[in-house]
Amino acid sequence: MLKMEDKKAKFLRIYSNIPDNLREDIIVIIDEKTYSWNAAYFEVKNNSKICKKILKELTVTKII
């Protein structure tokens, strides 16, 4: 299982390769709220409260 920092690094690598026109696509739903690539990036980059949930769900769904 990946450590939190490894998940963050993997997410950021994938995000950097996503075309700009796809970054508004919804990739995850957490607590009935949708997150696009851009919204997830903001949460991960700022290490917000929801960051761990987003990274966990993206790992479970094998997006990262």
PDB file of N, CA and C in Angstrom:
ATOM      1  N   MET A   1       0.845  -1.185   0.000  1.00  0.00           N
ATOM      2  CA  MET A   1       0.000   0.000   0.000  1.00  0.00           C
ATOM      3  C   MET A   1       0.891   1.248   0.000  1.00  0.00           C
ATOM      4  N   LEU A   2       0.491   2.223  -0.799  1.00  0.00           N
ATOM      5  CA  LEU A   2       1.281   3.445  -0.911  1.00  0.00           C
ATOM      6  C   LEU A   2       1.115   4.341   0.306  1.00  0.00           C
ATOM      7  N   LYS A   3       2.198   4.998   0.684  1.00  0.00           N
ATOM      8  CA  LYS A   3       2.148   5.990   1.761  1.00  0.00           C
ATOM      9  C   LYS A   3       1.496   7.255   1.224  1.00  0.00           C
ATOM     10  N   MET A   4       1.039   8.113   2.115  1.00  0.00           N
ATOM     11  CA  MET A   4       0.359   9.336   1.723  1.00  0.00           C
ATOM     12  C   MET A   4       1.223  10.188   0.795  1.00  0.00           C
ATOM     13  N   GLU A   5       2.481  10.362   1.112  1.00  0.00           N
ATOM     14  CA  GLU A   5       3.362  11.177   0.269  1.00  0.00           C
ATOM     15  C   GLU A   5       3.543  10.555  -1.112  1.00  0.00           C
ATOM     16  N   ASP A   6       3.582   9.222  -1.170  1.00  0.00           N
ATOM     17  CA  ASP A   6       3.700   8.539  -2.460  1.00  0.00           C
ATOM     18  C   ASP A   6       2.428   8.734  -3.288  1.00  0.00           C
ATOM     19  N   LYS A   7       1.275   8.684  -2.633  1.00  0.00           N
ATOM     20  CA  LYS A   7       0.003   8.913  -3.319  1.00  0.00           C
ATOM     21  C   LYS A   7      -0.056  10.336  -3.868  1.00  0.00           C
ATOM     22  N   LYS A   8       0.388  11.288  -3.063  1.00  0.00           N
ATOM     23  CA  LYS A   8       0.406  12.683  -3.513  1.00  0.00           C
ATOM     24  C   LYS A   8       1.305  12.841  -4.729  1.00  0.00           C
ATOM     25  N   ALA A   9       2.491  12.283  -4.655  1.00  0.00           N
ATOM     26  CA  ALA A   9       3.445  12.392  -5.761  1.00  0.00           C
ATOM     27  C   ALA A   9       2.882  11.753  -7.031  1.00  0.00           C
ATOM     28  N   LYS A  10       2.261  10.597  -6.889  1.00  0.00           N
ATOM     29  CA  LYS A  10       1.683   9.910  -8.038  1.00  0.00           C
ATOM     30  C   LYS A  10       0.541  10.736  -8.630  1.00  0.00           C
ATOM     31  N   PHE A  11      -0.320  11.279  -7.767  1.00  0.00           N
ATOM     32  CA  PHE A  11      -1.416  12.124  -8.240  1.00  0.00           C
ATOM     33  C   PHE A  11      -0.867  13.320  -9.014  1.00  0.00           C
ATOM     34  N   LEU A  12       0.129  13.995  -8.460  1.00  0.00           N
ATOM     35  CA  LEU A  12       0.681  15.190  -9.100  1.00  0.00           C
ATOM     36  C   LEU A  12       1.337  14.867 -10.445  1.00  0.00           C
ATOM     37  N   ARG A  13       1.980  13.699 -10.546  1.00  0.00           N
ATOM     38  CA  ARG A  13       2.564  13.278 -11.827  1.00  0.00           C
ATOM     39  C   ARG A  13       1.471  13.050 -12.864  1.00  0.00           C
ATOM     40  N   ILE A  14       0.420  12.359 -12.452  1.00  0.00           N
ATOM     41  CA  ILE A  14      -0.682  12.087 -13.378  1.00  0.00           C
ATOM     42  C   ILE A  14      -1.361  13.393 -13.776  1.00  0.00           C
ATOM     43  N   TYR A  15      -1.621  14.246 -12.801  1.00  0.00           N
ATOM     44  CA  TYR A  15      -2.273  15.527 -13.074  1.00  0.00           C
ATOM     45  C   TYR A  15      -1.490  16.344 -14.091  1.00  0.00           C
ATOM     46  N   SER A  16      -0.178  16.367 -13.961  1.00  0.00           N
ATOM     47  CA  SER A  16       0.636  17.172 -14.869  1.00  0.00           C
ATOM     48  C   SER A  16       0.560  16.678 -16.316  1.00  0.00           C
ATOM     49  N   ASN A  17       0.162  15.421 -16.510  1.00  0.00           N
ATOM     50  CA  ASN A  17       0.052  14.863 -17.856  1.00  0.00           C
ATOM     51  C   ASN A  17      -1.369  14.878 -18.415  1.00  0.00           C
ATOM     52  N   ILE A  18      -2.322  15.337 -17.616  1.00  0.00           N
ATOM     53  CA  ILE A  18      -3.708  15.409 -18.073  1.00  0.00           C
ATOM     54  C   ILE A  18      -3.858  16.640 -18.971  1.00  0.00           C
ATOM     55  N   PRO A  19      -4.428  16.484 -20.166  1.00  0.00           N
ATOM     56  CA  PRO A  19      -4.645  17.656 -21.025  1.00  0.00           C
ATOM     57  C   PRO A  19      -5.553  18.686 -20.340  1.00  0.00           C
ATOM     58  N   ASP A  20      -5.288  19.951 -20.589  1.00  0.00           N
ATOM     59  CA  ASP A  20      -6.041  21.033 -19.948  1.00  0.00           C
ATOM     60  C   ASP A  20      -7.549  20.885 -20.127  1.00  0.00           C
ATOM     61  N   ASN A  21      -7.986  20.454 -21.299  1.00  0.00           N
ATOM     62  CA  ASN A  21      -9.420  20.362 -21.546  1.00  0.00           C
ATOM     63  C   ASN A  21     -10.101  19.232 -20.770  1.00  0.00           C
ATOM     64  N   LEU A  22      -9.346  18.335 -20.163  1.00  0.00           N
ATOM     65  CA  LEU A  22      -9.926  17.251 -19.369  1.00  0.00           C
ATOM     66  C   LEU A  22      -9.884  17.526 -17.866  1.00  0.00           C
ATOM     67  N   ARG A  23      -9.213  18.575 -17.470  1.00  0.00           N
ATOM     68  CA  ARG A  23      -9.020  18.851 -16.042  1.00  0.00           C
ATOM     69  C   ARG A  23     -10.294  19.279 -15.322  1.00  0.00           C
ATOM     70  N   GLU A  24     -11.338  19.628 -16.060  1.00  0.00           N
ATOM     71  CA  GLU A  24     -12.616  19.977 -15.438  1.00  0.00           C
ATOM     72  C   GLU A  24     -13.532  18.757 -15.307  1.00  0.00           C
ATOM     73  N   ASP A  25     -13.106  17.621 -15.831  1.00  0.00           N
ATOM     74  CA  ASP A  25     -13.896  16.389 -15.712  1.00  0.00           C
ATOM     75  C   ASP A  25     -13.907  15.900 -14.270  1.00  0.00           C
ATOM     76  N   ILE A  26     -15.062  15.436 -13.828  1.00  0.00           N
ATOM     77  CA  ILE A  26     -15.205  14.918 -12.462  1.00  0.00           C
ATOM     78  C   ILE A  26     -14.505  13.568 -12.371  1.00  0.00           C
ATOM     79  N   ILE A  27     -13.692  13.424 -11.323  1.00  0.00           N
ATOM     80  CA  ILE A  27     -12.967  12.161 -11.157  1.00  0.00           C
ATOM     81  C   ILE A  27     -13.322  11.425  -9.874  1.00  0.00           C
ATOM     82  N   VAL A  28     -13.926  12.131  -8.917  1.00  0.00           N
ATOM     83  CA  VAL A  28     -14.224  11.481  -7.641  1.00  0.00           C
ATOM     84  C   VAL A  28     -15.374  12.208  -6.952  1.00  0.00           C
ATOM     85  N   ILE A  29     -16.150  11.446  -6.166  1.00  0.00           N
ATOM     86  CA  ILE A  29     -17.211  12.014  -5.336  1.00  0.00           C
ATOM     87  C   ILE A  29     -16.897  11.658  -3.890  1.00  0.00           C
ATOM     88  N   ILE A  30     -16.774  12.673  -3.062  1.00  0.00           N
ATOM     89  CA  ILE A  30     -16.475  12.488  -1.637  1.00  0.00           C
ATOM     90  C   ILE A  30     -17.558  13.207  -0.838  1.00  0.00           C
ATOM     91  N   ASP A  31     -18.186  12.502   0.072  1.00  0.00           N
ATOM     92  CA  ASP A  31     -19.225  13.089   0.920  1.00  0.00           C
ATOM     93  C   ASP A  31     -20.260  13.845   0.085  1.00  0.00           C
ATOM     94  N   GLU A  32     -20.699  13.217  -0.999  1.00  0.00           N
ATOM     95  CA  GLU A  32     -21.718  13.750  -1.901  1.00  0.00           C
ATOM     96  C   GLU A  32     -21.309  15.032  -2.628  1.00  0.00           C
ATOM     97  N   LYS A  33     -20.018  15.318  -2.669  1.00  0.00           N
ATOM     98  CA  LYS A  33     -19.506  16.474  -3.405  1.00  0.00           C
ATOM     99  C   LYS A  33     -18.581  15.969  -4.501  1.00  0.00           C
ATOM    100  N   THR A  34     -18.729  16.542  -5.695  1.00  0.00           N
ATOM    101  CA  THR A  34     -17.904  16.115  -6.821  1.00  0.00           C
ATOM    102  C   THR A  34     -16.606  16.921  -6.881  1.00  0.00           C
ATOM    103  N   TYR A  35     -15.557  16.261  -7.354  1.00  0.00           N
ATOM    104  CA  TYR A  35     -14.243  16.886  -7.502  1.00  0.00           C
ATOM    105  C   TYR A  35     -13.704  16.601  -8.898  1.00  0.00           C
ATOM    106  N   SER A  36     -13.344  17.666  -9.590  1.00  0.00           N
ATOM    107  CA  SER A  36     -12.690  17.529 -10.891  1.00  0.00           C
ATOM    108  C   SER A  36     -11.192  17.350 -10.640  1.00  0.00           C
ATOM    109  N   TRP A  37     -10.450  17.147 -11.723  1.00  0.00           N
ATOM    110  CA  TRP A  37      -8.995  17.073 -11.579  1.00  0.00           C
ATOM    111  C   TRP A  37      -8.474  18.347 -10.925  1.00  0.00           C
ATOM    112  N   ASN A  38      -8.992  19.509 -11.388  1.00  0.00           N
ATOM    113  CA  ASN A  38      -8.520  20.787 -10.846  1.00  0.00           C
ATOM    114  C   ASN A  38      -8.876  20.949  -9.372  1.00  0.00           C
ATOM    115  N   ALA A  39     -10.084  20.585  -8.998  1.00  0.00           N
ATOM    116  CA  ALA A  39     -10.500  20.710  -7.601  1.00  0.00           C
ATOM    117  C   ALA A  39      -9.691  19.753  -6.719  1.00  0.00           C
ATOM    118  N   ALA A  40      -9.482  18.532  -7.200  1.00  0.00           N
ATOM    119  CA  ALA A  40      -8.690  17.565  -6.440  1.00  0.00           C
ATOM    120  C   ALA A  40      -7.249  18.052  -6.302  1.00  0.00           C
ATOM    121  N   TYR A  41      -6.715  18.630  -7.379  1.00  0.00           N
ATOM    122  CA  TYR A  41      -5.357  19.179  -7.335  1.00  0.00           C
ATOM    123  C   TYR A  41      -5.245  20.253  -6.252  1.00  0.00           C
ATOM    124  N   PHE A  42      -6.205  21.156  -6.217  1.00  0.00           N
ATOM    125  CA  PHE A  42      -6.209  22.212  -5.216  1.00  0.00           C
ATOM    126  C   PHE A  42      -6.203  21.634  -3.803  1.00  0.00           C
ATOM    127  N   GLU A  43      -7.047  20.631  -3.547  1.00  0.00           N
ATOM    128  CA  GLU A  43      -7.137  20.020  -2.220  1.00  0.00           C
ATOM    129  C   GLU A  43      -5.847  19.287  -1.859  1.00  0.00           C
ATOM    130  N   VAL A  44      -5.283  18.558  -2.807  1.00  0.00           N
ATOM    131  CA  VAL A  44      -4.049  17.801  -2.558  1.00  0.00           C
ATOM    132  C   VAL A  44      -2.876  18.756  -2.358  1.00  0.00           C
ATOM    133  N   LYS A  45      -2.768  19.742  -3.218  1.00  0.00           N
ATOM    134  CA  LYS A  45      -1.651  20.690  -3.136  1.00  0.00           C
ATOM    135  C   LYS A  45      -1.663  21.455  -1.815  1.00  0.00           C
ATOM    136  N   ASN A  46      -2.852  21.779  -1.320  1.00  0.00           N
ATOM    137  CA  ASN A  46      -2.984  22.535  -0.069  1.00  0.00           C
ATOM    138  C   ASN A  46      -3.123  21.639   1.158  1.00  0.00           C
ATOM    139  N   ASN A  47      -3.020  20.328   0.947  1.00  0.00           N
ATOM    140  CA  ASN A  47      -3.086  19.359   2.047  1.00  0.00           C
ATOM    141  C   ASN A  47      -4.299  19.623   2.954  1.00  0.00           C
ATOM    142  N   SER A  48      -5.453  19.779   2.331  1.00  0.00           N
ATOM    143  CA  SER A  48      -6.685  20.091   3.056  1.00  0.00           C
ATOM    144  C   SER A  48      -7.188  18.885   3.840  1.00  0.00           C
ATOM    145  N   LYS A  49      -8.252  19.109   4.585  1.00  0.00           N
ATOM    146  CA  LYS A  49      -8.847  18.027   5.376  1.00  0.00           C
ATOM    147  C   LYS A  49      -9.333  16.882   4.496  1.00  0.00           C
ATOM    148  N   ILE A  50      -9.811  17.196   3.314  1.00  0.00           N
ATOM    149  CA  ILE A  50     -10.394  16.196   2.421  1.00  0.00           C
ATOM    150  C   ILE A  50      -9.339  15.479   1.564  1.00  0.00           C
ATOM    151  N   CYS A  51      -8.125  15.957   1.596  1.00  0.00           N
ATOM    152  CA  CYS A  51      -7.041  15.427   0.768  1.00  0.00           C
ATOM    153  C   CYS A  51      -6.882  13.909   0.917  1.00  0.00           C
ATOM    154  N   LYS A  52      -6.844  13.424   2.129  1.00  0.00           N
ATOM    155  CA  LYS A  52      -6.644  11.989   2.364  1.00  0.00           C
ATOM    156  C   LYS A  52      -7.780  11.165   1.773  1.00  0.00           C
ATOM    157  N   LYS A  53      -9.012  11.652   1.913  1.00  0.00           N
ATOM    158  CA  LYS A  53     -10.167  10.936   1.362  1.00  0.00           C
ATOM    159  C   LYS A  53     -10.097  10.885  -0.158  1.00  0.00           C
ATOM    160  N   ILE A  54      -9.713  11.993  -0.760  1.00  0.00           N
ATOM    161  CA  ILE A  54      -9.607  12.037  -2.223  1.00  0.00           C
ATOM    162  C   ILE A  54      -8.548  11.054  -2.699  1.00  0.00           C
ATOM    163  N   LEU A  55      -7.380  11.096  -2.101  1.00  0.00           N
ATOM    164  CA  LEU A  55      -6.298  10.201  -2.515  1.00  0.00           C
ATOM    165  C   LEU A  55      -6.655   8.737  -2.276  1.00  0.00           C
ATOM    166  N   LYS A  56      -7.338   8.455  -1.178  1.00  0.00           N
ATOM    167  CA  LYS A  56      -7.744   7.077  -0.890  1.00  0.00           C
ATOM    168  C   LYS A  56      -8.718   6.586  -1.955  1.00  0.00           C
ATOM    169  N   GLU A  57      -9.711   7.390  -2.278  1.00  0.00           N
ATOM    170  CA  GLU A  57     -10.706   6.986  -3.271  1.00  0.00           C
ATOM    171  C   GLU A  57     -10.088   6.836  -4.654  1.00  0.00           C
ATOM    172  N   LEU A  58      -9.180   7.720  -5.011  1.00  0.00           N
ATOM    173  CA  LEU A  58      -8.512   7.614  -6.314  1.00  0.00           C
ATOM    174  C   LEU A  58      -7.630   6.365  -6.373  1.00  0.00           C
ATOM    175  N   THR A  59      -7.095   5.962  -5.239  1.00  0.00           N
ATOM    176  CA  THR A  59      -6.293   4.731  -5.198  1.00  0.00           C
ATOM    177  C   THR A  59      -7.198   3.504  -5.316  1.00  0.00           C
ATOM    178  N   VAL A  60      -8.299   3.508  -4.583  1.00  0.00           N
ATOM    179  CA  VAL A  60      -9.245   2.380  -4.617  1.00  0.00           C
ATOM    180  C   VAL A  60      -9.799   2.183  -6.023  1.00  0.00           C
ATOM    181  N   THR A  61     -10.114   3.281  -6.694  1.00  0.00           N
ATOM    182  CA  THR A  61     -10.680   3.189  -8.045  1.00  0.00           C
ATOM    183  C   THR A  61      -9.610   3.041  -9.123  1.00  0.00           C
ATOM    184  N   LYS A  62      -8.362   2.964  -8.689  1.00  0.00           N
ATOM    185  CA  LYS A  62      -7.200   2.761  -9.563  1.00  0.00           C
ATOM    186  C   LYS A  62      -6.995   3.879 -10.580  1.00  0.00           C
ATOM    187  N   ILE A  63      -7.431   5.088 -10.212  1.00  0.00           N
ATOM    188  CA  ILE A  63      -7.142   6.258 -11.038  1.00  0.00           C
ATOM    189  C   ILE A  63      -5.696   6.671 -10.833  1.00  0.00           C
ATOM    190  N   ILE A  64      -5.213   6.477  -9.595  1.00  0.00           N
ATOM    191  CA  ILE A  64      -3.788   6.693  -9.331  1.00  0.00           C
ATOM    192  C   ILE A  64      -3.201   5.415  -8.774  1.00  0.00           C
TER     193      ILE A  64
END
